[in-house]
Amino acid sequence: MELREVIGSRRSIRFLLPYKPVEPEKIQRMLEAARIASHWGNVQSLRALVVFRDSAPRETLDALQAPIAGFQIRLAPVVIVWYVETQAVDEQSDRLRELLGAGALGFGENKKEALEKQLIPIFDNLRETLKQPGLNEIDCGQGIAQATLMAFEQGLGTCCLGTPYGEQIRQGLGLPATCRVLLLQTVGYPAESAEAGGQRPRQPFERLFQMNSYATPFPRSQEVVAELRSDGMLQAPAPLPWREAELEYLKKALGLKGHGLI
């Protein structure tokens, strides 16, 4: 797949084949993609604990909680618990020195001295603030996004699930108190169609983006829209006419009950 097509097809796949395991090497490729994602100061606070349903102990499976997506977690062959390790910020100085040594930070003859006497002290003074929710979550999101694109590139489906039980999950999985759970990502082979009912509804482009001032919408070129539609990034909007029939089939095939609002 071309990148644009991968982006276009990267919609949440909530229905996964519970009986088809995911190869560990495919999960590794997702983690490799997350590892090389950009992160402020090269801190790399994004971490992950990967839970394979067919081999994880019962207490690990029981620790995974999400209030409105229980069946997804229960049926997914793999659940990735993405979390922030805030203690990574304590290594900020070393990460900056690595960047300088790699030629990715600073210029001029005195750049090493400037790093030690100017930049590092600034970050040291902000250390505890930088551990709080904010910049870490933003850059961790980039890593998760790259992992998700890699999943789709390999024919997998995923869905990122938020949960108010982050602290309970952290404790249940035995993660250190310095960690903060971000989300749970189910991974497996799709049981639903690749289109998953069509491209999800989105607000108008002009409402979301501005140019030069808040009062000026970013101009949307229809030529670019046509190009992206031709490349498969922009696709037919949901719902596709057969979607309700597909959902009814999945409900019966996977033994699901209730209203299924997910």
C-alpha atoms as a PDB file:
ATOM      1  CA  MET A   1       0.000   0.000   0.000  1.00  0.00           C
ATOM      2  CA  GLU A   2       1.064   3.566  -0.652  1.00  0.00           C
ATOM      3  CA  LEU A   3       1.181   5.788   2.437  1.00  0.00           C
ATOM      4  CA  ARG A   4      -1.855   7.824   1.358  1.00  0.00           C
ATOM      5  CA  GLU A   5      -3.924   4.682   0.927  1.00  0.00           C
ATOM      6  CA  VAL A   6      -2.785   3.385   4.323  1.00  0.00           C
ATOM      7  CA  ILE A   7      -3.816   6.679   5.947  1.00  0.00           C
ATOM      8  CA  GLY A   8      -7.181   6.544   4.211  1.00  0.00           C
ATOM      9  CA  SER A   9      -7.872   2.995   5.375  1.00  0.00           C
ATOM     10  CA  ARG A  10      -6.638   3.652   8.921  1.00  0.00           C
ATOM     11  CA  ARG A  11     -10.007   3.621  10.590  1.00  0.00           C
ATOM     12  CA  SER A  12     -10.763   1.850  13.822  1.00  0.00           C
ATOM     13  CA  ILE A  13     -11.397  -1.860  13.321  1.00  0.00           C
ATOM     14  CA  ARG A  14     -13.497  -2.935  16.287  1.00  0.00           C
ATOM     15  CA  PHE A  15     -14.340  -6.457  15.154  1.00  0.00           C
ATOM     16  CA  LEU A  16     -11.341  -8.813  15.086  1.00  0.00           C
ATOM     17  CA  LEU A  17     -11.002 -12.529  14.453  1.00  0.00           C
ATOM     18  CA  PRO A  18     -10.591 -13.999  17.943  1.00  0.00           C
ATOM     19  CA  TYR A  19      -9.309 -17.351  16.705  1.00  0.00           C
ATOM     20  CA  LYS A  20      -6.484 -16.035  14.480  1.00  0.00           C
ATOM     21  CA  PRO A  21      -3.322 -15.191  16.439  1.00  0.00           C
ATOM     22  CA  VAL A  22      -1.078 -12.302  15.490  1.00  0.00           C
ATOM     23  CA  GLU A  23       2.530 -13.106  14.691  1.00  0.00           C
ATOM     24  CA  PRO A  24       4.932 -11.565  17.251  1.00  0.00           C
ATOM     25  CA  GLU A  25       7.098 -10.195  14.452  1.00  0.00           C
ATOM     26  CA  LYS A  26       4.197  -8.054  13.233  1.00  0.00           C
ATOM     27  CA  ILE A  27       3.816  -6.583  16.700  1.00  0.00           C
ATOM     28  CA  GLN A  28       7.581  -6.004  16.785  1.00  0.00           C
ATOM     29  CA  ARG A  29       7.348  -3.996  13.570  1.00  0.00           C
ATOM     30  CA  MET A  30       4.684  -1.829  15.203  1.00  0.00           C
ATOM     31  CA  LEU A  31       6.945  -1.261  18.203  1.00  0.00           C
ATOM     32  CA  GLU A  32       9.928  -0.508  15.965  1.00  0.00           C
ATOM     33  CA  ALA A  33       7.853   2.143  14.189  1.00  0.00           C
ATOM     34  CA  ALA A  34       6.910   3.674  17.544  1.00  0.00           C
ATOM     35  CA  ARG A  35      10.513   3.609  18.748  1.00  0.00           C
ATOM     36  CA  ILE A  36      11.865   5.754  15.916  1.00  0.00           C
ATOM     37  CA  ALA A  37       9.086   8.346  16.112  1.00  0.00           C
ATOM     38  CA  SER A  38      10.037  11.919  16.902  1.00  0.00           C
ATOM     39  CA  HIS A  39      10.047  12.823  20.608  1.00  0.00           C
ATOM     40  CA  TRP A  40      10.934  16.108  22.244  1.00  0.00           C
ATOM     41  CA  GLY A  41      14.538  16.171  23.405  1.00  0.00           C
ATOM     42  CA  ASN A  42      14.857  12.537  22.303  1.00  0.00           C
ATOM     43  CA  VAL A  43      13.498  11.570  25.743  1.00  0.00           C
ATOM     44  CA  GLN A  44      11.443   8.625  24.413  1.00  0.00           C
ATOM     45  CA  SER A  45       9.003   8.368  27.294  1.00  0.00           C
ATOM     46  CA  LEU A  46       6.624   6.162  25.265  1.00  0.00           C
ATOM     47  CA  ARG A  47       6.593   2.554  26.456  1.00  0.00           C
ATOM     48  CA  ALA A  48       4.347  -0.433  25.823  1.00  0.00           C
ATOM     49  CA  LEU A  49       3.373  -3.681  27.481  1.00  0.00           C
ATOM     50  CA  VAL A  50       2.068  -6.165  24.915  1.00  0.00           C
ATOM     51  CA  VAL A  51      -0.495  -8.708  26.099  1.00  0.00           C
ATOM     52  CA  PHE A  52      -1.060 -11.841  23.970  1.00  0.00           C
ATOM     53  CA  ARG A  53      -4.420 -13.314  24.928  1.00  0.00           C
ATOM     54  CA  ASP A  54      -3.397 -16.921  24.210  1.00  0.00           C
ATOM     55  CA  SER A  55      -0.327 -16.850  26.463  1.00  0.00           C
ATOM     56  CA  ALA A  56      -0.816 -14.131  29.101  1.00  0.00           C
ATOM     57  CA  PRO A  57      -1.637 -15.194  32.682  1.00  0.00           C
ATOM     58  CA  ARG A  58      -5.204 -14.749  33.889  1.00  0.00           C
ATOM     59  CA  GLU A  59      -4.304 -11.905  36.258  1.00  0.00           C
ATOM     60  CA  THR A  60      -2.805  -9.919  33.375  1.00  0.00           C
ATOM     61  CA  LEU A  61      -5.918 -10.349  31.236  1.00  0.00           C
ATOM     62  CA  ASP A  62      -8.126  -9.387  34.176  1.00  0.00           C
ATOM     63  CA  ALA A  63      -6.157  -6.158  34.645  1.00  0.00           C
ATOM     64  CA  LEU A  64      -7.267  -4.820  31.252  1.00  0.00           C
ATOM     65  CA  GLN A  65     -10.341  -2.647  31.758  1.00  0.00           C
ATOM     66  CA  ALA A  66     -12.328  -0.273  29.563  1.00  0.00           C
ATOM     67  CA  PRO A  67     -15.937   0.642  30.479  1.00  0.00           C
ATOM     68  CA  ILE A  68     -17.571   0.651  27.043  1.00  0.00           C
ATOM     69  CA  ALA A  69     -15.373  -1.654  24.975  1.00  0.00           C
ATOM     70  CA  GLY A  70     -15.228  -4.820  27.014  1.00  0.00           C
ATOM     71  CA  PHE A  71     -15.951  -7.209  24.183  1.00  0.00           C
ATOM     72  CA  GLN A  72     -13.131  -5.737  22.076  1.00  0.00           C
ATOM     73  CA  ILE A  73     -10.593  -6.417  24.798  1.00  0.00           C
ATOM     74  CA  ARG A  74     -12.076  -9.839  25.504  1.00  0.00           C
ATOM     75  CA  LEU A  75     -11.869 -11.004  21.871  1.00  0.00           C
ATOM     76  CA  ALA A  76      -8.706  -9.254  20.626  1.00  0.00           C
ATOM     77  CA  PRO A  77      -5.731 -11.604  20.141  1.00  0.00           C
ATOM     78  CA  VAL A  78      -3.391  -8.802  21.256  1.00  0.00           C
ATOM     79  CA  VAL A  79      -3.819  -5.748  23.470  1.00  0.00           C
ATOM     80  CA  ILE A  80      -1.024  -3.189  23.622  1.00  0.00           C
ATOM     81  CA  VAL A  81      -0.976  -1.106  26.782  1.00  0.00           C
ATOM     82  CA  TRP A  82       0.719   2.154  25.823  1.00  0.00           C
ATOM     83  CA  TYR A  83       2.064   4.191  28.727  1.00  0.00           C
ATOM     84  CA  VAL A  84       4.331   7.120  29.587  1.00  0.00           C
ATOM     85  CA  GLU A  85       7.403   6.491  31.706  1.00  0.00           C
ATOM     86  CA  THR A  86       7.809   9.907  33.321  1.00  0.00           C
ATOM     87  CA  GLN A  87      11.151   8.902  34.834  1.00  0.00           C
ATOM     88  CA  ALA A  88      12.608   9.121  31.313  1.00  0.00           C
ATOM     89  CA  VAL A  89      12.668  12.894  31.808  1.00  0.00           C
ATOM     90  CA  ASP A  90      15.369  12.387  34.456  1.00  0.00           C
ATOM     91  CA  GLU A  91      17.692  11.266  31.644  1.00  0.00           C
ATOM     92  CA  GLN A  92      17.061  14.427  29.615  1.00  0.00           C
ATOM     93  CA  SER A  93      20.650  15.678  29.870  1.00  0.00           C
ATOM     94  CA  ASP A  94      22.084  12.444  28.467  1.00  0.00           C
ATOM     95  CA  ARG A  95      19.574  12.409  25.619  1.00  0.00           C
ATOM     96  CA  LEU A  96      20.534  15.990  24.674  1.00  0.00           C
ATOM     97  CA  ARG A  97      24.207  15.065  24.701  1.00  0.00           C
ATOM     98  CA  GLU A  98      23.414  12.152  22.375  1.00  0.00           C
ATOM     99  CA  LEU A  99      21.651  14.521  19.984  1.00  0.00           C
ATOM    100  CA  LEU A 100      24.623  16.849  20.005  1.00  0.00           C
ATOM    101  CA  GLY A 101      26.996  13.970  19.320  1.00  0.00           C
ATOM    102  CA  ALA A 102      24.815  12.837  16.424  1.00  0.00           C
ATOM    103  CA  GLY A 103      24.964  16.274  14.814  1.00  0.00           C
ATOM    104  CA  ALA A 104      21.248  16.849  15.386  1.00  0.00           C
ATOM    105  CA  LEU A 105      21.527  19.681  17.883  1.00  0.00           C
ATOM    106  CA  GLY A 106      23.327  23.009  17.728  1.00  0.00           C
ATOM    107  CA  PHE A 107      26.075  24.464  15.560  1.00  0.00           C
ATOM    108  CA  GLY A 108      29.310  26.431  15.948  1.00  0.00           C
ATOM    109  CA  GLU A 109      32.553  25.818  17.814  1.00  0.00           C
ATOM    110  CA  ASN A 110      31.139  26.357  21.302  1.00  0.00           C
ATOM    111  CA  LYS A 111      27.975  24.275  20.964  1.00  0.00           C
ATOM    112  CA  LYS A 112      29.082  21.731  23.601  1.00  0.00           C
ATOM    113  CA  GLU A 113      29.719  24.453  26.169  1.00  0.00           C
ATOM    114  CA  ALA A 114      26.403  26.124  25.301  1.00  0.00           C
ATOM    115  CA  LEU A 115      24.602  22.829  25.824  1.00  0.00           C
ATOM    116  CA  GLU A 116      26.098  22.270  29.264  1.00  0.00           C
ATOM    117  CA  LYS A 117      25.840  25.834  30.539  1.00  0.00           C
ATOM    118  CA  GLN A 118      22.640  27.040  28.897  1.00  0.00           C
ATOM    119  CA  LEU A 119      20.276  24.408  27.510  1.00  0.00           C
ATOM    120  CA  ILE A 120      20.686  21.622  30.073  1.00  0.00           C
ATOM    121  CA  PRO A 121      20.136  23.957  33.068  1.00  0.00           C
ATOM    122  CA  ILE A 122      16.910  25.202  31.466  1.00  0.00           C
ATOM    123  CA  PHE A 123      15.577  21.668  31.124  1.00  0.00           C
ATOM    124  CA  ASP A 124      16.766  20.765  34.637  1.00  0.00           C
ATOM    125  CA  ASN A 125      14.695  23.624  36.062  1.00  0.00           C
ATOM    126  CA  LEU A 126      11.630  22.372  34.159  1.00  0.00           C
ATOM    127  CA  ARG A 127      12.131  18.700  34.970  1.00  0.00           C
ATOM    128  CA  GLU A 128       9.133  18.117  37.236  1.00  0.00           C
ATOM    129  CA  THR A 129       6.862  20.237  35.028  1.00  0.00           C
ATOM    130  CA  LEU A 130       7.889  18.196  31.982  1.00  0.00           C
ATOM    131  CA  LYS A 131       6.758  15.013  33.726  1.00  0.00           C
ATOM    132  CA  GLN A 132       3.179  16.272  33.889  1.00  0.00           C
ATOM    133  CA  PRO A 133       0.567  15.490  31.195  1.00  0.00           C
ATOM    134  CA  GLY A 134       1.178  17.555  28.089  1.00  0.00           C
ATOM    135  CA  LEU A 135       4.196  17.443  25.799  1.00  0.00           C
ATOM    136  CA  ASN A 136       4.968  13.816  26.592  1.00  0.00           C
ATOM    137  CA  GLU A 137       1.469  12.730  25.598  1.00  0.00           C
ATOM    138  CA  ILE A 138       1.677  14.654  22.325  1.00  0.00           C
ATOM    139  CA  ASP A 139       4.907  12.985  21.248  1.00  0.00           C
ATOM    140  CA  CYS A 140       3.807   9.600  22.541  1.00  0.00           C
ATOM    141  CA  GLY A 141       0.794  10.014  20.277  1.00  0.00           C
ATOM    142  CA  GLN A 142       3.133  10.311  17.304  1.00  0.00           C
ATOM    143  CA  GLY A 143       4.707   6.994  18.198  1.00  0.00           C
ATOM    144  CA  ILE A 144       1.330   5.287  18.606  1.00  0.00           C
ATOM    145  CA  ALA A 145       0.195   6.715  15.268  1.00  0.00           C
ATOM    146  CA  GLN A 146       3.259   5.295  13.525  1.00  0.00           C
ATOM    147  CA  ALA A 147       2.668   1.911  15.140  1.00  0.00           C
ATOM    148  CA  THR A 148      -0.944   2.021  13.965  1.00  0.00           C
ATOM    149  CA  LEU A 149       0.070   2.788  10.379  1.00  0.00           C
ATOM    150  CA  MET A 150       2.478  -0.144  10.520  1.00  0.00           C
ATOM    151  CA  ALA A 151      -0.341  -2.395  11.719  1.00  0.00           C
ATOM    152  CA  PHE A 152      -2.499  -1.478   8.739  1.00  0.00           C
ATOM    153  CA  GLU A 153       0.460  -1.867   6.402  1.00  0.00           C
ATOM    154  CA  GLN A 154       0.670  -5.493   7.579  1.00  0.00           C
ATOM    155  CA  GLY A 155      -3.020  -6.235   7.111  1.00  0.00           C
ATOM    156  CA  LEU A 156      -3.925  -5.940  10.792  1.00  0.00           C
ATOM    157  CA  GLY A 157      -6.810  -4.053  12.345  1.00  0.00           C
ATOM    158  CA  THR A 158      -6.583  -1.973  15.498  1.00  0.00           C
ATOM    159  CA  CYS A 159      -8.691   0.201  17.747  1.00  0.00           C
ATOM    160  CA  CYS A 160      -7.363   2.621  20.374  1.00  0.00           C
ATOM    161  CA  LEU A 161      -9.444   2.587  23.549  1.00  0.00           C
ATOM    162  CA  GLY A 162      -9.412   5.197  26.263  1.00  0.00           C
ATOM    163  CA  THR A 163     -10.097   4.153  29.836  1.00  0.00           C
ATOM    164  CA  PRO A 164     -10.716   5.909  33.157  1.00  0.00           C
ATOM    165  CA  TYR A 165      -9.102   2.931  34.887  1.00  0.00           C
ATOM    166  CA  GLY A 166      -5.534   3.838  34.020  1.00  0.00           C
ATOM    167  CA  GLU A 167      -4.293   3.722  37.594  1.00  0.00           C
ATOM    168  CA  GLN A 168      -5.985   0.381  38.272  1.00  0.00           C
ATOM    169  CA  ILE A 169      -4.484  -1.024  35.074  1.00  0.00           C
ATOM    170  CA  ARG A 170      -1.054   0.297  36.015  1.00  0.00           C
ATOM    171  CA  GLN A 171      -1.220  -1.418  39.383  1.00  0.00           C
ATOM    172  CA  GLY A 172      -2.723  -4.609  37.981  1.00  0.00           C
ATOM    173  CA  LEU A 173       0.092  -4.946  35.444  1.00  0.00           C
ATOM    174  CA  GLY A 174       2.766  -4.110  37.990  1.00  0.00           C
ATOM    175  CA  LEU A 175       3.981  -0.985  36.219  1.00  0.00           C
ATOM    176  CA  PRO A 176       6.057   1.422  38.345  1.00  0.00           C
ATOM    177  CA  ALA A 177       4.358   4.385  40.026  1.00  0.00           C
ATOM    178  CA  THR A 178       6.295   6.684  37.664  1.00  0.00           C
ATOM    179  CA  CYS A 179       4.234   5.381  34.747  1.00  0.00           C
ATOM    180  CA  ARG A 180       0.973   6.772  33.393  1.00  0.00           C
ATOM    181  CA  VAL A 181      -1.292   4.603  31.205  1.00  0.00           C
ATOM    182  CA  LEU A 182      -2.283   6.331  27.959  1.00  0.00           C
ATOM    183  CA  LEU A 183      -4.609   3.897  26.197  1.00  0.00           C
ATOM    184  CA  LEU A 184      -5.257   0.291  25.243  1.00  0.00           C
ATOM    185  CA  GLN A 185      -4.859  -0.731  21.603  1.00  0.00           C
ATOM    186  CA  THR A 186      -6.521  -3.906  20.401  1.00  0.00           C
ATOM    187  CA  VAL A 187      -4.738  -5.647  17.517  1.00  0.00           C
ATOM    188  CA  GLY A 188      -5.765  -8.557  15.337  1.00  0.00           C
ATOM    189  CA  TYR A 189      -6.916  -9.637  11.920  1.00  0.00           C
ATOM    190  CA  PRO A 190     -10.097  -7.834  10.850  1.00  0.00           C
ATOM    191  CA  ALA A 191     -13.390  -9.694  11.026  1.00  0.00           C
ATOM    192  CA  GLU A 192     -15.152  -6.770   9.348  1.00  0.00           C
ATOM    193  CA  SER A 193     -14.474  -5.441   5.874  1.00  0.00           C
ATOM    194  CA  ALA A 194     -11.496  -3.205   5.191  1.00  0.00           C
ATOM    195  CA  GLU A 195     -13.918  -0.342   4.495  1.00  0.00           C
ATOM    196  CA  ALA A 196     -15.564  -0.884   7.893  1.00  0.00           C
ATOM    197  CA  GLY A 197     -18.686   0.798   6.610  1.00  0.00           C
ATOM    198  CA  GLY A 198     -16.954   3.713   4.908  1.00  0.00           C
ATOM    199  CA  GLN A 199     -14.873   6.702   5.939  1.00  0.00           C
ATOM    200  CA  ARG A 200     -16.040   8.140   9.232  1.00  0.00           C
ATOM    201  CA  PRO A 201     -17.913  11.469   9.372  1.00  0.00           C
ATOM    202  CA  ARG A 202     -15.603  14.434   9.786  1.00  0.00           C
ATOM    203  CA  GLN A 203     -16.294  18.125  10.343  1.00  0.00           C
ATOM    204  CA  PRO A 204     -15.810  20.484   7.391  1.00  0.00           C
ATOM    205  CA  PHE A 205     -12.169  21.182   6.509  1.00  0.00           C
ATOM    206  CA  GLU A 206     -12.695  24.944   6.640  1.00  0.00           C
ATOM    207  CA  ARG A 207     -14.046  24.733  10.189  1.00  0.00           C
ATOM    208  CA  LEU A 208     -10.962  22.980  11.517  1.00  0.00           C
ATOM    209  CA  PHE A 209      -8.057  24.857   9.959  1.00  0.00           C
ATOM    210  CA  GLN A 210      -7.139  28.520   9.497  1.00  0.00           C
ATOM    211  CA  MET A 211      -4.548  30.493   7.554  1.00  0.00           C
ATOM    212  CA  ASN A 212      -2.767  33.554   8.983  1.00  0.00           C
ATOM    213  CA  SER A 213      -5.669  34.497  11.263  1.00  0.00           C
ATOM    214  CA  TYR A 214      -8.427  32.751  13.211  1.00  0.00           C
ATOM    215  CA  ALA A 215     -11.070  34.424  11.055  1.00  0.00           C
ATOM    216  CA  THR A 216      -9.639  33.062   7.789  1.00  0.00           C
ATOM    217  CA  PRO A 217     -10.349  29.423   6.909  1.00  0.00           C
ATOM    218  CA  PHE A 218      -7.511  27.567   5.217  1.00  0.00           C
ATOM    219  CA  PRO A 219      -8.455  27.453   1.509  1.00  0.00           C
ATOM    220  CA  ARG A 220      -9.295  23.942   0.371  1.00  0.00           C
ATOM    221  CA  SER A 221      -8.198  23.129  -3.171  1.00  0.00           C
ATOM    222  CA  GLN A 222     -10.620  20.772  -4.882  1.00  0.00           C
ATOM    223  CA  GLU A 223      -7.769  19.623  -7.114  1.00  0.00           C
ATOM    224  CA  VAL A 224      -5.958  18.332  -4.027  1.00  0.00           C
ATOM    225  CA  VAL A 225      -9.179  16.707  -2.811  1.00  0.00           C
ATOM    226  CA  ALA A 226      -9.577  14.934  -6.156  1.00  0.00           C
ATOM    227  CA  GLU A 227      -5.935  13.815  -6.056  1.00  0.00           C
ATOM    228  CA  LEU A 228      -6.278  12.359  -2.557  1.00  0.00           C
ATOM    229  CA  ARG A 229      -9.549  10.681  -3.476  1.00  0.00           C
ATOM    230  CA  SER A 230      -7.863   9.113  -6.497  1.00  0.00           C
ATOM    231  CA  ASP A 231      -4.994   7.891  -4.299  1.00  0.00           C
ATOM    232  CA  GLY A 232      -7.416   6.281  -1.835  1.00  0.00           C
ATOM    233  CA  MET A 233      -6.768   8.588   1.106  1.00  0.00           C
ATOM    234  CA  LEU A 234     -10.231  10.129   0.865  1.00  0.00           C
ATOM    235  CA  GLN A 235     -12.817   7.393   0.460  1.00  0.00           C
ATOM    236  CA  ALA A 236     -16.553   6.839   0.236  1.00  0.00           C
ATOM    237  CA  PRO A 237     -18.248   8.238   3.358  1.00  0.00           C
ATOM    238  CA  ALA A 238     -20.050   6.033   5.850  1.00  0.00           C
ATOM    239  CA  PRO A 239     -22.436   4.379   5.942  1.00  0.00           C
ATOM    240  CA  LEU A 240     -22.041   2.081   2.967  1.00  0.00           C
ATOM    241  CA  PRO A 241     -25.389   0.495   2.019  1.00  0.00           C
ATOM    242  CA  TRP A 242     -24.555  -2.993   3.309  1.00  0.00           C
ATOM    243  CA  ARG A 243     -23.133  -1.912   6.680  1.00  0.00           C
ATOM    244  CA  GLU A 244     -26.114  -2.848   8.879  1.00  0.00           C
ATOM    245  CA  ALA A 245     -26.204  -6.335   7.377  1.00  0.00           C
ATOM    246  CA  GLU A 246     -22.490  -6.730   8.079  1.00  0.00           C
ATOM    247  CA  LEU A 247     -22.947  -5.657  11.700  1.00  0.00           C
ATOM    248  CA  GLU A 248     -25.775  -8.142  12.169  1.00  0.00           C
ATOM    249  CA  TYR A 249     -23.591 -10.908  10.734  1.00  0.00           C
ATOM    250  CA  LEU A 250     -20.678  -9.992  13.031  1.00  0.00           C
ATOM    251  CA  LYS A 251     -22.967  -9.948  16.052  1.00  0.00           C
ATOM    252  CA  LYS A 252     -24.054 -13.516  15.377  1.00  0.00           C
ATOM    253  CA  ALA A 253     -20.626 -14.811  14.267  1.00  0.00           C
ATOM    254  CA  LEU A 254     -18.850 -13.469  17.363  1.00  0.00           C
ATOM    255  CA  GLY A 255     -21.642 -14.340  19.799  1.00  0.00           C
ATOM    256  CA  LEU A 256     -22.208 -10.746  20.873  1.00  0.00           C
ATOM    257  CA  LYS A 257     -25.253  -9.635  22.813  1.00  0.00           C
ATOM    258  CA  GLY A 258     -26.989  -6.401  23.753  1.00  0.00           C
ATOM    259  CA  HIS A 259     -27.106  -3.063  21.953  1.00  0.00           C
ATOM    260  CA  GLY A 260     -23.440  -3.106  20.993  1.00  0.00           C
ATOM    261  CA  LEU A 261     -22.868   0.650  21.273  1.00  0.00           C
ATOM    262  CA  ILE A 262     -19.085   0.897  20.944  1.00  0.00           C
END
